[in-house]
Amino acid sequence: MATTRLMTVENLEREGAPEGRWELIDGELVEMTPSSSESSRTGMRFGYYLTDHVLPRRLGEVFGTDSGFAVFAGREIVRVSDAAFVRADRIPPAPDNQGFFRLAPDLVVEVVSPSDRASDVYAKMMMWLEAGVQLVWVADPATRTIAVYRPDRSSQMLRETDELTGGDVLPQFRLKVATFFA
């Protein structure tokens, strides 16, 4: 459901959104359907394992499902992921980081819920890449797979026995795919 009143990123920061979970897409507030229990649990696992890897190494920060990113300069868009990582050297200094970050994360995790349409998940993943995200992981608890997407539009489908790595974006991160769906 979209609202009819157009908003800016600044309006959304100042006024907030109606109750619920929302994204701002080209000035329109678009309500996000709540995640299923399994999708939420999977998203939390990504957040946990990413944080466990990132914080001790001081690589940057990990963000959860309530963090919005204004990913395009000059466009009224705020996207929300299930988990995201931003390198330490890209974190804006305080007080510049009090609102939405005006940047695309380095890594984004999207977890598919049963109510998600494949075309919507694909469009969101493509928007993340267009915005400059270097690595997008799309996890599907129903199939217990993780699709890995890169800016050159190459992709790789990983199954439970495969190993998920952070590549150049998150050096030394490696875990079996099954870990996220245990």
Foldseek 3Di string as FASTA:
>chain_A
DKDPAFDALVCCQVPNDPPADWWAFQRITDGDDDADPLLLLLLVLVQVLVCVQCVVVVQFDKDAQRAWAQLDPPGRTTDGARMFTAGRVQQDDPPVVVGHHHHQGQEGEHEDGPPDDPVVVVVVVVVSLVSPHAWYWYAYLVQLWIWIAGNVRDIDIAHQQDWDDPPPSRPPDIDGSVSSND
